[in-house]
Amino acid sequence: MKCYDCDLDGRGATTGIGICSRCNLVVCADHGHVTPTVLHRPGGLGKATRDRPGRRVVCRTCHAAEVSA
């Protein structure tokens, strides 16, 4: 699959590294941001989050929207 933002920029066929977890577009290493995320364990009593964070990929547009005020 090819990066959506590279195609818009006219860079040609850049191979994607992942799919944005927000908008589901394919992103390359230049246009994607890998961010940590807290993983939750469903149900039960006690601690509901995992000790180690997971990771997710978001595109530049979605990342900018998430960190905006």
PDB file of N, CA and C in Angstrom:
ATOM      1  N   MET A   1       0.840  -1.172   0.000  1.00  0.00           N
ATOM      2  CA  MET A   1       0.000   0.000   0.000  1.00  0.00           C
ATOM      3  C   MET A   1       0.889   1.240   0.000  1.00  0.00           C
ATOM      4  N   LYS A   2       0.380   2.307  -0.528  1.00  0.00           N
ATOM      5  CA  LYS A   2       1.153   3.540  -0.686  1.00  0.00           C
ATOM      6  C   LYS A   2       0.638   4.642   0.235  1.00  0.00           C
ATOM      7  N   CYS A   3       1.554   5.519   0.663  1.00  0.00           N
ATOM      8  CA  CYS A   3       1.219   6.602   1.584  1.00  0.00           C
ATOM      9  C   CYS A   3       0.296   7.630   0.916  1.00  0.00           C
ATOM     10  N   TYR A   4      -0.788   7.943   1.572  1.00  0.00           N
ATOM     11  CA  TYR A   4      -1.767   8.896   1.054  1.00  0.00           C
ATOM     12  C   TYR A   4      -1.187  10.303   0.965  1.00  0.00           C
ATOM     13  N   ASP A   5      -0.518  10.764   2.026  1.00  0.00           N
ATOM     14  CA  ASP A   5       0.024  12.128   2.028  1.00  0.00           C
ATOM     15  C   ASP A   5       1.138  12.310   0.995  1.00  0.00           C
ATOM     16  N   CYS A   6       1.967  11.292   0.791  1.00  0.00           N
ATOM     17  CA  CYS A   6       3.005  11.372  -0.244  1.00  0.00           C
ATOM     18  C   CYS A   6       2.369  11.490  -1.625  1.00  0.00           C
ATOM     19  N   ASP A   7       1.296  10.771  -1.843  1.00  0.00           N
ATOM     20  CA  ASP A   7       0.596  10.857  -3.117  1.00  0.00           C
ATOM     21  C   ASP A   7       0.040  12.253  -3.326  1.00  0.00           C
ATOM     22  N   LEU A   8      -0.513  12.871  -2.281  1.00  0.00           N
ATOM     23  CA  LEU A   8      -1.018  14.241  -2.396  1.00  0.00           C
ATOM     24  C   LEU A   8       0.108  15.245  -2.663  1.00  0.00           C
ATOM     25  N   ASP A   9       1.282  15.001  -2.042  1.00  0.00           N
ATOM     26  CA  ASP A   9       2.434  15.887  -2.217  1.00  0.00           C
ATOM     27  C   ASP A   9       3.126  15.698  -3.561  1.00  0.00           C
ATOM     28  N   GLY A  10       2.734  14.679  -4.309  1.00  0.00           N
ATOM     29  CA  GLY A  10       3.349  14.413  -5.597  1.00  0.00           C
ATOM     30  C   GLY A  10       4.680  13.679  -5.500  1.00  0.00           C
ATOM     31  N   ARG A  11       4.936  13.031  -4.372  1.00  0.00           N
ATOM     32  CA  ARG A  11       6.193  12.306  -4.179  1.00  0.00           C
ATOM     33  C   ARG A  11       6.201  10.928  -4.812  1.00  0.00           C
ATOM     34  N   GLY A  12       5.093  10.519  -5.332  1.00  0.00           N
ATOM     35  CA  GLY A  12       5.055   9.211  -5.979  1.00  0.00           C
ATOM     36  C   GLY A  12       4.612   8.110  -5.040  1.00  0.00           C
ATOM     37  N   ALA A  13       5.083   6.925  -5.325  1.00  0.00           N
ATOM     38  CA  ALA A  13       4.628   5.724  -4.630  1.00  0.00           C
ATOM     39  C   ALA A  13       5.538   5.390  -3.457  1.00  0.00           C
ATOM     40  N   THR A  14       5.312   6.024  -2.310  1.00  0.00           N
ATOM     41  CA  THR A  14       6.065   5.732  -1.095  1.00  0.00           C
ATOM     42  C   THR A  14       5.344   4.633  -0.328  1.00  0.00           C
ATOM     43  N   THR A  15       6.069   3.614   0.061  1.00  0.00           N
ATOM     44  CA  THR A  15       5.477   2.482   0.773  1.00  0.00           C
ATOM     45  C   THR A  15       5.024   2.890   2.165  1.00  0.00           C
ATOM     46  N   GLY A  16       3.821   2.489   2.525  1.00  0.00           N
ATOM     47  CA  GLY A  16       3.279   2.802   3.839  1.00  0.00           C
ATOM     48  C   GLY A  16       3.818   1.878   4.919  1.00  0.00           C
ATOM     49  N   ILE A  17       3.913   2.383   6.136  1.00  0.00           N
ATOM     50  CA  ILE A  17       4.366   1.582   7.280  1.00  0.00           C
ATOM     51  C   ILE A  17       3.210   1.189   8.188  1.00  0.00           C
ATOM     52  N   GLY A  18       2.068   1.851   8.026  1.00  0.00           N
ATOM     53  CA  GLY A  18       0.927   1.553   8.892  1.00  0.00           C
ATOM     54  C   GLY A  18      -0.304   2.312   8.458  1.00  0.00           C
ATOM     55  N   ILE A  19      -1.364   2.118   9.220  1.00  0.00           N
ATOM     56  CA  ILE A  19      -2.643   2.765   8.946  1.00  0.00           C
ATOM     57  C   ILE A  19      -2.997   3.629  10.151  1.00  0.00           C
ATOM     58  N   CYS A  20      -3.362   4.883   9.896  1.00  0.00           N
ATOM     59  CA  CYS A  20      -3.725   5.800  10.967  1.00  0.00           C
ATOM     60  C   CYS A  20      -4.884   5.215  11.779  1.00  0.00           C
ATOM     61  N   SER A  21      -4.717   5.202  13.094  1.00  0.00           N
ATOM     62  CA  SER A  21      -5.743   4.624  13.958  1.00  0.00           C
ATOM     63  C   SER A  21      -6.981   5.503  14.075  1.00  0.00           C
ATOM     64  N   ARG A  22      -6.917   6.735  13.580  1.00  0.00           N
ATOM     65  CA  ARG A  22      -8.066   7.654  13.620  1.00  0.00           C
ATOM     66  C   ARG A  22      -8.827   7.674  12.296  1.00  0.00           C
ATOM     67  N   CYS A  23      -8.128   7.973  11.196  1.00  0.00           N
ATOM     68  CA  CYS A  23      -8.806   8.164   9.904  1.00  0.00           C
ATOM     69  C   CYS A  23      -8.626   7.000   8.938  1.00  0.00           C
ATOM     70  N   ASN A  24      -7.787   6.023   9.310  1.00  0.00           N
ATOM     71  CA  ASN A  24      -7.578   4.798   8.535  1.00  0.00           C
ATOM     72  C   ASN A  24      -6.887   4.991   7.195  1.00  0.00           C
ATOM     73  N   LEU A  25      -6.152   6.086   7.013  1.00  0.00           N
ATOM     74  CA  LEU A  25      -5.366   6.263   5.799  1.00  0.00           C
ATOM     75  C   LEU A  25      -3.983   5.645   5.989  1.00  0.00           C
ATOM     76  N   VAL A  26      -3.383   5.170   4.904  1.00  0.00           N
ATOM     77  CA  VAL A  26      -2.043   4.585   4.952  1.00  0.00           C
ATOM     78  C   VAL A  26      -1.019   5.706   5.065  1.00  0.00           C
ATOM     79  N   VAL A  27      -0.019   5.547   5.958  1.00  0.00           N
ATOM     80  CA  VAL A  27       1.025   6.549   6.154  1.00  0.00           C
ATOM     81  C   VAL A  27       2.404   5.900   6.039  1.00  0.00           C
ATOM     82  N   CYS A  28       3.392   6.705   5.615  1.00  0.00           N
ATOM     83  CA  CYS A  28       4.783   6.257   5.546  1.00  0.00           C
ATOM     84  C   CYS A  28       5.503   6.687   6.819  1.00  0.00           C
ATOM     85  N   ALA A  29       6.790   6.387   6.911  1.00  0.00           N
ATOM     86  CA  ALA A  29       7.568   6.743   8.100  1.00  0.00           C
ATOM     87  C   ALA A  29       7.668   8.256   8.273  1.00  0.00           C
ATOM     88  N   ASP A  30       7.657   9.024   7.189  1.00  0.00           N
ATOM     89  CA  ASP A  30       7.739  10.481   7.276  1.00  0.00           C
ATOM     90  C   ASP A  30       6.434  11.122   7.735  1.00  0.00           C
ATOM     91  N   HIS A  31       5.314  10.555   7.350  1.00  0.00           N
ATOM     92  CA  HIS A  31       4.018  11.160   7.654  1.00  0.00           C
ATOM     93  C   HIS A  31       3.322  10.544   8.865  1.00  0.00           C
ATOM     94  N   GLY A  32       3.831   9.452   9.393  1.00  0.00           N
ATOM     95  CA  GLY A  32       3.206   8.795  10.533  1.00  0.00           C
ATOM     96  C   GLY A  32       3.886   9.144  11.840  1.00  0.00           C
ATOM     97  N   HIS A  33       3.126   9.150  12.910  1.00  0.00           N
ATOM     98  CA  HIS A  33       3.634   9.345  14.262  1.00  0.00           C
ATOM     99  C   HIS A  33       3.269   8.105  15.062  1.00  0.00           C
ATOM    100  N   VAL A  34       4.263   7.462  15.652  1.00  0.00           N
ATOM    101  CA  VAL A  34       4.003   6.329  16.533  1.00  0.00           C
ATOM    102  C   VAL A  34       3.927   6.880  17.944  1.00  0.00           C
ATOM    103  N   THR A  35       2.787   6.710  18.583  1.00  0.00           N
ATOM    104  CA  THR A  35       2.568   7.259  19.911  1.00  0.00           C
ATOM    105  C   THR A  35       2.225   6.135  20.886  1.00  0.00           C
ATOM    106  N   PRO A  36       2.601   6.305  22.167  1.00  0.00           N
ATOM    107  CA  PRO A  36       2.233   5.292  23.158  1.00  0.00           C
ATOM    108  C   PRO A  36       0.752   5.393  23.513  1.00  0.00           C
ATOM    109  N   THR A  37       0.182   4.292  23.921  1.00  0.00           N
ATOM    110  CA  THR A  37      -1.211   4.281  24.344  1.00  0.00           C
ATOM    111  C   THR A  37      -1.370   3.339  25.530  1.00  0.00           C
ATOM    112  N   VAL A  38      -2.230   3.697  26.456  1.00  0.00           N
ATOM    113  CA  VAL A  38      -2.493   2.875  27.640  1.00  0.00           C
ATOM    114  C   VAL A  38      -3.432   1.742  27.240  1.00  0.00           C
ATOM    115  N   LEU A  39      -3.053   0.537  27.597  1.00  0.00           N
ATOM    116  CA  LEU A  39      -3.882  -0.625  27.301  1.00  0.00           C
ATOM    117  C   LEU A  39      -4.709  -0.976  28.524  1.00  0.00           C
ATOM    118  N   HIS A  40      -5.990  -1.244  28.299  1.00  0.00           N
ATOM    119  CA  HIS A  40      -6.913  -1.559  29.381  1.00  0.00           C
ATOM    120  C   HIS A  40      -7.316  -3.027  29.335  1.00  0.00           C
ATOM    121  N   ARG A  41      -7.503  -3.587  30.509  1.00  0.00           N
ATOM    122  CA  ARG A  41      -7.962  -4.965  30.643  1.00  0.00           C
ATOM    123  C   ARG A  41      -9.443  -4.902  30.996  1.00  0.00           C
ATOM    124  N   PRO A  42     -10.311  -5.505  30.208  1.00  0.00           N
ATOM    125  CA  PRO A  42     -11.742  -5.409  30.490  1.00  0.00           C
ATOM    126  C   PRO A  42     -12.170  -6.256  31.687  1.00  0.00           C
ATOM    127  N   GLY A  43     -13.094  -5.696  32.461  1.00  0.00           N
ATOM    128  CA  GLY A  43     -13.758  -6.417  33.538  1.00  0.00           C
ATOM    129  C   GLY A  43     -12.874  -6.764  34.720  1.00  0.00           C
ATOM    130  N   GLY A  44     -13.500  -7.245  35.764  1.00  0.00           N
ATOM    131  CA  GLY A  44     -12.801  -7.686  36.954  1.00  0.00           C
ATOM    132  C   GLY A  44     -12.496  -6.569  37.926  1.00  0.00           C
ATOM    133  N   LEU A  45     -12.017  -6.957  39.086  1.00  0.00           N
ATOM    134  CA  LEU A  45     -11.647  -5.997  40.115  1.00  0.00           C
ATOM    135  C   LEU A  45     -10.139  -5.784  40.081  1.00  0.00           C
ATOM    136  N   GLY A  46      -9.696  -4.687  40.658  1.00  0.00           N
ATOM    137  CA  GLY A  46      -8.262  -4.415  40.723  1.00  0.00           C
ATOM    138  C   GLY A  46      -7.792  -3.531  39.580  1.00  0.00           C
ATOM    139  N   LYS A  47      -6.509  -3.586  39.321  1.00  0.00           N
ATOM    140  CA  LYS A  47      -5.885  -2.742  38.314  1.00  0.00           C
ATOM    141  C   LYS A  47      -6.439  -3.050  36.924  1.00  0.00           C
ATOM    142  N   ALA A  48      -6.845  -1.997  36.209  1.00  0.00           N
ATOM    143  CA  ALA A  48      -7.469  -2.188  34.900  1.00  0.00           C
ATOM    144  C   ALA A  48      -6.542  -1.837  33.737  1.00  0.00           C
ATOM    145  N   THR A  49      -5.361  -1.307  34.029  1.00  0.00           N
ATOM    146  CA  THR A  49      -4.439  -0.938  32.959  1.00  0.00           C
ATOM    147  C   THR A  49      -3.208  -1.833  32.984  1.00  0.00           C
ATOM    148  N   ARG A  50      -2.584  -1.988  31.838  1.00  0.00           N
ATOM    149  CA  ARG A  50      -1.369  -2.790  31.716  1.00  0.00           C
ATOM    150  C   ARG A  50      -0.163  -1.984  32.178  1.00  0.00           C
ATOM    151  N   ASP A  51       0.884  -2.673  32.619  1.00  0.00           N
ATOM    152  CA  ASP A  51       2.090  -2.001  33.096  1.00  0.00           C
ATOM    153  C   ASP A  51       2.864  -1.328  31.956  1.00  0.00           C
ATOM    154  N   ARG A  52       2.900  -1.967  30.811  1.00  0.00           N
ATOM    155  CA  ARG A  52       3.640  -1.426  29.674  1.00  0.00           C
ATOM    156  C   ARG A  52       2.668  -0.810  28.674  1.00  0.00           C
ATOM    157  N   PRO A  53       3.021   0.342  28.100  1.00  0.00           N
ATOM    158  CA  PRO A  53       2.135   0.952  27.107  1.00  0.00           C
ATOM    159  C   PRO A  53       2.222   0.220  25.770  1.00  0.00           C
ATOM    160  N   GLY A  54       1.152   0.296  25.026  1.00  0.00           N
ATOM    161  CA  GLY A  54       1.145  -0.201  23.658  1.00  0.00           C
ATOM    162  C   GLY A  54       1.560   0.934  22.733  1.00  0.00           C
ATOM    163  N   ARG A  55       1.390   0.744  21.451  1.00  0.00           N
ATOM    164  CA  ARG A  55       1.696   1.815  20.508  1.00  0.00           C
ATOM    165  C   ARG A  55       0.648   1.831  19.410  1.00  0.00           C
ATOM    166  N   ARG A  56       0.518   3.007  18.798  1.00  0.00           N
ATOM    167  CA  ARG A  56      -0.412   3.177  17.684  1.00  0.00           C
ATOM    168  C   ARG A  56       0.177   4.176  16.710  1.00  0.00           C
ATOM    169  N   VAL A  57      -0.266   4.103  15.484  1.00  0.00           N
ATOM    170  CA  VAL A  57       0.201   5.012  14.431  1.00  0.00           C
ATOM    171  C   VAL A  57      -0.914   5.994  14.122  1.00  0.00           C
ATOM    172  N   VAL A  58      -0.561   7.277  14.032  1.00  0.00           N
ATOM    173  CA  VAL A  58      -1.503   8.300  13.584  1.00  0.00           C
ATOM    174  C   VAL A  58      -0.828   9.148  12.508  1.00  0.00           C
ATOM    175  N   CYS A  59      -1.617   9.675  11.578  1.00  0.00           N
ATOM    176  CA  CYS A  59      -1.080  10.543  10.533  1.00  0.00           C
ATOM    177  C   CYS A  59      -0.815  11.939  11.108  1.00  0.00           C
ATOM    178  N   ARG A  60      -0.127  12.762  10.356  1.00  0.00           N
ATOM    179  CA  ARG A  60       0.200  14.122  10.813  1.00  0.00           C
ATOM    180  C   ARG A  60      -1.055  14.938  11.096  1.00  0.00           C
ATOM    181  N   THR A  61      -2.049  14.813  10.258  1.00  0.00           N
ATOM    182  CA  THR A  61      -3.279  15.586  10.421  1.00  0.00           C
ATOM    183  C   THR A  61      -3.998  15.213  11.719  1.00  0.00           C
ATOM    184  N   CYS A  62      -4.143  13.926  11.969  1.00  0.00           N
ATOM    185  CA  CYS A  62      -4.814  13.482  13.193  1.00  0.00           C
ATOM    186  C   CYS A  62      -3.971  13.781  14.428  1.00  0.00           C
ATOM    187  N   HIS A  63      -2.652  13.651  14.318  1.00  0.00           N
ATOM    188  CA  HIS A  63      -1.768  13.960  15.448  1.00  0.00           C
ATOM    189  C   HIS A  63      -1.894  15.440  15.801  1.00  0.00           C
ATOM    190  N   ALA A  64      -1.901  16.318  14.804  1.00  0.00           N
ATOM    191  CA  ALA A  64      -2.049  17.757  15.052  1.00  0.00           C
ATOM    192  C   ALA A  64      -3.398  18.054  15.710  1.00  0.00           C
ATOM    193  N   ALA A  65      -4.434  17.370  15.303  1.00  0.00           N
ATOM    194  CA  ALA A  65      -5.759  17.576  15.897  1.00  0.00           C
ATOM    195  C   ALA A  65      -5.800  17.095  17.345  1.00  0.00           C
ATOM    196  N   GLU A  66      -5.109  16.002  17.643  1.00  0.00           N
ATOM    197  CA  GLU A  66      -5.103  15.467  19.006  1.00  0.00           C
ATOM    198  C   GLU A  66      -4.359  16.387  19.989  1.00  0.00           C
ATOM    199  N   VAL A  67      -3.300  17.020  19.541  1.00  0.00           N
ATOM    200  CA  VAL A  67      -2.505  17.859  20.450  1.00  0.00           C
ATOM    201  C   VAL A  67      -2.909  19.325  20.423  1.00  0.00           C
ATOM    202  N   SER A  68      -3.889  19.694  19.599  1.00  0.00           N
ATOM    203  CA  SER A  68      -4.325  21.098  19.528  1.00  0.00           C
ATOM    204  C   SER A  68      -5.128  21.470  20.776  1.00  0.00           C
ATOM    205  N   ALA A  69      -5.183  22.732  21.032  1.00  0.00           N
ATOM    206  CA  ALA A  69      -5.890  23.211  22.228  1.00  0.00           C
ATOM    207  C   ALA A  69      -7.376  23.292  22.023  1.00  0.00           C
TER     208      ALA A  69
END
